[in-house]
Amino acid sequence: MIVDDHVAVVAGVRSWCDEAVPPIRVVDAGARLADVWTGPGAEADVVVFDLELVPGNPEFGELRRLVDSGRRVVVYSQHLDNATAIKCIDLGALAYLTKREGPEHLVPAVRAAAQGTAYTPPSLSGAFIADDDSDRPRLSGRELEVLRAWFASSSKDLVAAKLHITVKTVDTYIARVRAKYANVGRPARTKSELVSRALDDGIITLAELNRP
């Protein structure tokens, strides 16, 4: 589903997705955020989200709401500044593209997000390089909650039941955490590697891991 108030942008994205192999079905919400939660929008694998539906008012709160509900979001924005890109990734978007980046990046970003994995286009890569913060990724409260629950559980089904979310949502949060570690040059492809990263960063302690 694409949420964007620019008709030309929607038409372009739809054309790129129609021409992709295999094609990607696009549902147009216009600027109607409510459509993301009902009808075809509720079933969409990926939300392509224009950050600024109202000029001068970036929808960071709505992005957080989408992410916290387990939606897989690709932000497609006219904002070119690194701070906005980094903030969107910190909030849990799986990719941040500027509207200068066309189908050669948007289509792969959508396909990656549908699988719960991140995609780094040139603009985002530049933002990461320019970011002089620590190599510790900035995880959201919900990402930390899911991560700790997964470390303490024998299966994702138990995590889902404990947190009252679906297993698919658990997978999405874990994929997002992996993406954030990969983006700071500390990949964690397995559960044991992710546990090691979490121990290094103080997210969890050995005592908590050994707790029955």
Protein backbone atom coordinates (compact mmCIF):
# COMPACT_ATOMS: atom_id res chain seq x y z
CA MET A 1 0.00 0.00 0.00
CA ILE A 2 1.24 3.49 -0.82
CA VAL A 3 0.29 6.47 1.35
CA ASP A 4 1.18 9.63 -0.58
CA ASP A 5 -0.82 12.73 -1.46
CA HIS A 6 1.06 13.36 -4.74
CA VAL A 7 -0.86 11.76 -7.62
CA ALA A 8 2.18 11.77 -9.90
CA VAL A 9 4.27 9.92 -7.31
CA VAL A 10 1.59 7.29 -6.84
CA ALA A 11 1.26 6.85 -10.61
CA GLY A 12 5.02 6.43 -10.94
CA VAL A 13 5.25 3.88 -8.13
CA ARG A 14 2.31 1.94 -9.54
CA SER A 15 3.93 1.86 -12.99
CA TRP A 16 7.27 0.67 -11.57
CA CYS A 17 5.55 -2.05 -9.56
CA ASP A 18 3.41 -3.16 -12.52
CA GLU A 19 6.57 -3.52 -14.64
CA ALA A 20 8.50 -5.40 -11.95
CA VAL A 21 9.13 -9.12 -12.46
CA PRO A 22 7.07 -10.53 -10.87
CA PRO A 23 4.71 -7.55 -10.63
CA ILE A 24 3.81 -6.02 -7.26
CA ARG A 25 0.19 -5.13 -6.58
CA VAL A 26 -0.23 -1.54 -5.37
CA VAL A 27 -3.16 -0.24 -3.32
CA ASP A 28 -3.42 3.58 -3.28
CA ALA A 29 -4.48 5.18 0.00
CA GLY A 30 -3.78 8.72 -1.16
CA ALA A 31 -3.31 10.72 2.05
CA ARG A 32 -5.92 8.64 3.90
CA LEU A 33 -4.02 7.14 6.82
CA ALA A 34 -7.15 5.32 7.96
CA ASP A 35 -7.03 3.16 4.81
CA VAL A 36 -3.84 1.51 6.11
CA TRP A 37 -5.87 -0.15 8.85
CA THR A 38 -8.96 -1.27 6.93
CA GLY A 39 -9.85 -3.22 3.78
CA PRO A 40 -6.98 -4.11 1.45
CA GLY A 41 -4.62 -1.85 3.38
CA ALA A 42 -4.87 -4.01 6.48
CA GLU A 43 -3.62 -6.99 4.46
CA ALA A 44 -0.80 -5.20 2.65
CA ASP A 45 2.65 -6.75 3.15
CA VAL A 46 4.41 -3.37 2.93
CA VAL A 47 3.42 0.25 3.52
CA VAL A 48 5.24 2.78 1.31
CA PHE A 49 4.88 5.90 3.39
CA ASP A 50 5.26 9.57 2.46
CA LEU A 51 6.57 11.09 5.67
CA GLU A 52 5.08 14.55 5.08
CA LEU A 53 1.41 14.29 4.09
CA VAL A 54 0.84 17.78 5.47
CA PRO A 55 3.55 20.32 4.48
CA GLY A 56 5.81 21.14 7.40
CA ASN A 57 4.47 18.32 9.55
CA PRO A 58 6.49 15.07 9.27
CA GLU A 59 4.37 12.15 10.44
CA PHE A 60 6.90 10.60 12.84
CA GLY A 61 4.10 9.69 15.23
CA GLU A 62 2.20 7.82 12.53
CA LEU A 63 5.39 6.05 11.47
CA ARG A 64 5.91 4.93 15.07
CA ARG A 65 2.32 3.73 15.23
CA LEU A 66 2.75 1.66 12.06
CA VAL A 67 6.00 0.16 13.29
CA ASP A 68 4.72 -0.56 16.79
CA SER A 69 1.79 -2.45 15.30
CA GLY A 70 4.22 -4.67 13.38
CA ARG A 71 3.77 -3.15 9.92
CA ARG A 72 6.69 -3.27 7.48
CA VAL A 73 7.35 0.28 6.33
CA VAL A 74 9.40 1.82 3.53
CA VAL A 75 9.57 5.60 3.91
CA TYR A 76 9.59 7.39 0.53
CA SER A 77 10.19 11.06 1.20
CA GLN A 78 11.22 14.35 -0.33
CA HIS A 79 13.40 15.05 2.73
CA LEU A 80 17.09 14.82 1.83
CA ASP A 81 18.65 15.49 5.24
CA ASN A 82 20.53 12.72 7.00
CA ALA A 83 18.90 13.38 10.39
CA THR A 84 15.42 12.60 9.05
CA ALA A 85 16.62 9.40 7.39
CA ILE A 86 18.37 8.18 10.54
CA LYS A 87 15.36 9.05 12.71
CA CYS A 88 13.04 7.00 10.48
CA ILE A 89 15.36 4.00 10.67
CA ASP A 90 15.61 4.43 14.43
CA LEU A 91 11.80 4.40 14.59
CA GLY A 92 11.80 1.07 12.75
CA ALA A 93 11.37 1.76 9.03
CA LEU A 94 13.04 -0.99 7.01
CA ALA A 95 14.21 1.47 4.36
CA TYR A 96 14.38 5.21 3.76
CA LEU A 97 14.43 6.45 0.16
CA THR A 98 14.35 9.96 -1.18
CA LYS A 99 12.05 10.73 -4.09
CA ARG A 100 15.13 11.23 -6.25
CA GLU A 101 15.61 7.45 -6.06
CA GLY A 102 13.58 5.58 -8.66
CA PRO A 103 12.48 2.02 -9.41
CA GLU A 104 16.01 0.62 -9.30
CA HIS A 105 15.88 1.16 -5.53
CA LEU A 106 12.20 1.41 -4.58
CA VAL A 107 11.21 -1.97 -6.04
CA PRO A 108 14.06 -3.87 -4.29
CA ALA A 109 13.26 -2.01 -1.07
CA VAL A 110 9.62 -3.13 -1.24
CA ARG A 111 10.62 -6.73 -1.97
CA ALA A 112 13.10 -6.74 0.92
CA ALA A 113 10.57 -5.23 3.32
CA ALA A 114 7.99 -7.87 2.34
CA GLN A 115 10.49 -10.43 3.65
CA GLY A 116 11.10 -8.41 6.81
CA THR A 117 14.61 -7.37 5.82
CA ALA A 118 16.21 -3.96 5.43
CA TYR A 119 17.33 -2.26 2.22
CA THR A 120 19.98 0.46 2.08
CA PRO A 121 19.81 2.76 -0.97
CA PRO A 122 22.60 5.26 -1.73
CA SER A 123 21.02 8.15 0.18
CA LEU A 124 20.63 6.07 3.34
CA SER A 125 24.13 4.65 3.01
CA GLY A 126 25.44 8.22 2.92
CA ALA A 127 23.39 9.08 6.02
CA PHE A 128 24.89 6.16 7.92
CA ILE A 129 28.42 7.14 6.89
CA ALA A 130 27.81 10.72 8.04
CA ASP A 131 26.27 9.61 11.32
CA ASP A 132 28.97 9.94 13.98
CA ASP A 133 27.00 8.27 16.77
CA SER A 134 28.14 5.12 18.57
CA ASP A 135 28.13 1.71 16.88
CA ARG A 136 25.36 0.64 19.23
CA PRO A 137 22.04 0.57 17.34
CA ARG A 138 19.15 2.55 18.74
CA LEU A 139 16.35 0.09 19.40
CA SER A 140 12.79 1.08 20.17
CA GLY A 141 11.10 0.06 23.41
CA ARG A 142 8.95 -2.49 21.62
CA GLU A 143 11.95 -3.95 19.78
CA LEU A 144 13.74 -4.37 23.12
CA GLU A 145 10.66 -5.99 24.66
CA VAL A 146 10.33 -8.52 21.84
CA LEU A 147 14.06 -9.23 21.83
CA ARG A 148 14.21 -9.92 25.56
CA ALA A 149 11.11 -12.10 25.40
CA TRP A 150 12.63 -14.10 22.53
CA PHE A 151 15.87 -14.65 24.41
CA ALA A 152 13.88 -15.96 27.39
CA SER A 153 11.59 -18.22 25.34
CA SER A 154 12.09 -21.49 23.50
CA SER A 155 9.96 -20.41 20.52
CA LYS A 156 8.52 -17.38 18.77
CA ASP A 157 5.05 -18.82 19.35
CA LEU A 158 5.57 -18.39 23.08
CA VAL A 159 6.77 -14.81 22.55
CA ALA A 160 3.70 -14.04 20.45
CA ALA A 161 1.37 -15.47 23.09
CA LYS A 162 3.11 -13.61 25.92
CA LEU A 163 3.02 -10.23 24.14
CA HIS A 164 -0.39 -10.75 22.48
CA ILE A 165 0.97 -10.31 18.94
CA THR A 166 1.32 -12.63 15.95
CA VAL A 167 4.37 -14.73 15.14
CA LYS A 168 4.72 -12.70 11.93
CA THR A 169 4.96 -9.54 14.03
CA VAL A 170 7.61 -11.17 16.22
CA ASP A 171 9.57 -12.04 13.06
CA THR A 172 9.25 -8.44 11.83
CA TYR A 173 10.63 -6.98 15.06
CA ILE A 174 13.55 -9.41 15.15
CA ALA A 175 14.33 -8.71 11.49
CA ARG A 176 14.32 -5.01 12.24
CA VAL A 177 16.77 -5.47 15.11
CA ARG A 178 19.05 -7.53 12.86
CA ALA A 179 18.86 -4.79 10.22
CA LYS A 180 19.85 -2.13 12.74
CA TYR A 181 22.87 -4.16 13.85
CA ALA A 182 23.86 -4.77 10.24
CA ASN A 183 23.56 -1.06 9.49
CA VAL A 184 26.15 -0.23 12.19
CA GLY A 185 28.54 -2.89 10.91
CA ARG A 186 27.75 -5.52 13.55
CA PRO A 187 25.71 -8.21 11.76
CA ALA A 188 23.83 -10.77 13.86
CA ARG A 189 22.53 -13.46 11.52
CA THR A 190 21.77 -16.11 14.14
CA LYS A 191 20.06 -16.05 17.52
CA SER A 192 23.35 -16.77 19.30
CA GLU A 193 25.05 -13.84 17.50
CA LEU A 194 22.16 -11.58 18.47
CA VAL A 195 22.43 -12.73 22.09
CA SER A 196 26.14 -11.90 21.99
CA ARG A 197 25.42 -8.40 20.65
CA ALA A 198 22.75 -7.85 23.32
CA LEU A 199 25.14 -8.91 26.07
CA ASP A 200 27.83 -6.58 24.72
CA ASP A 201 25.37 -3.67 24.69
CA GLY A 202 23.84 -4.36 28.10
CA ILE A 203 20.41 -5.14 26.66
CA ILE A 204 20.31 -8.37 28.65
CA THR A 205 22.52 -9.95 31.31
CA LEU A 206 23.84 -13.47 31.77
CA ALA A 207 21.76 -13.73 34.91
CA GLU A 208 18.60 -13.02 32.92
CA LEU A 209 19.58 -15.55 30.26
CA ASN A 210 20.20 -18.24 32.89
CA ARG A 211 16.98 -17.52 34.77
CA PRO A 212 14.65 -20.58 34.69
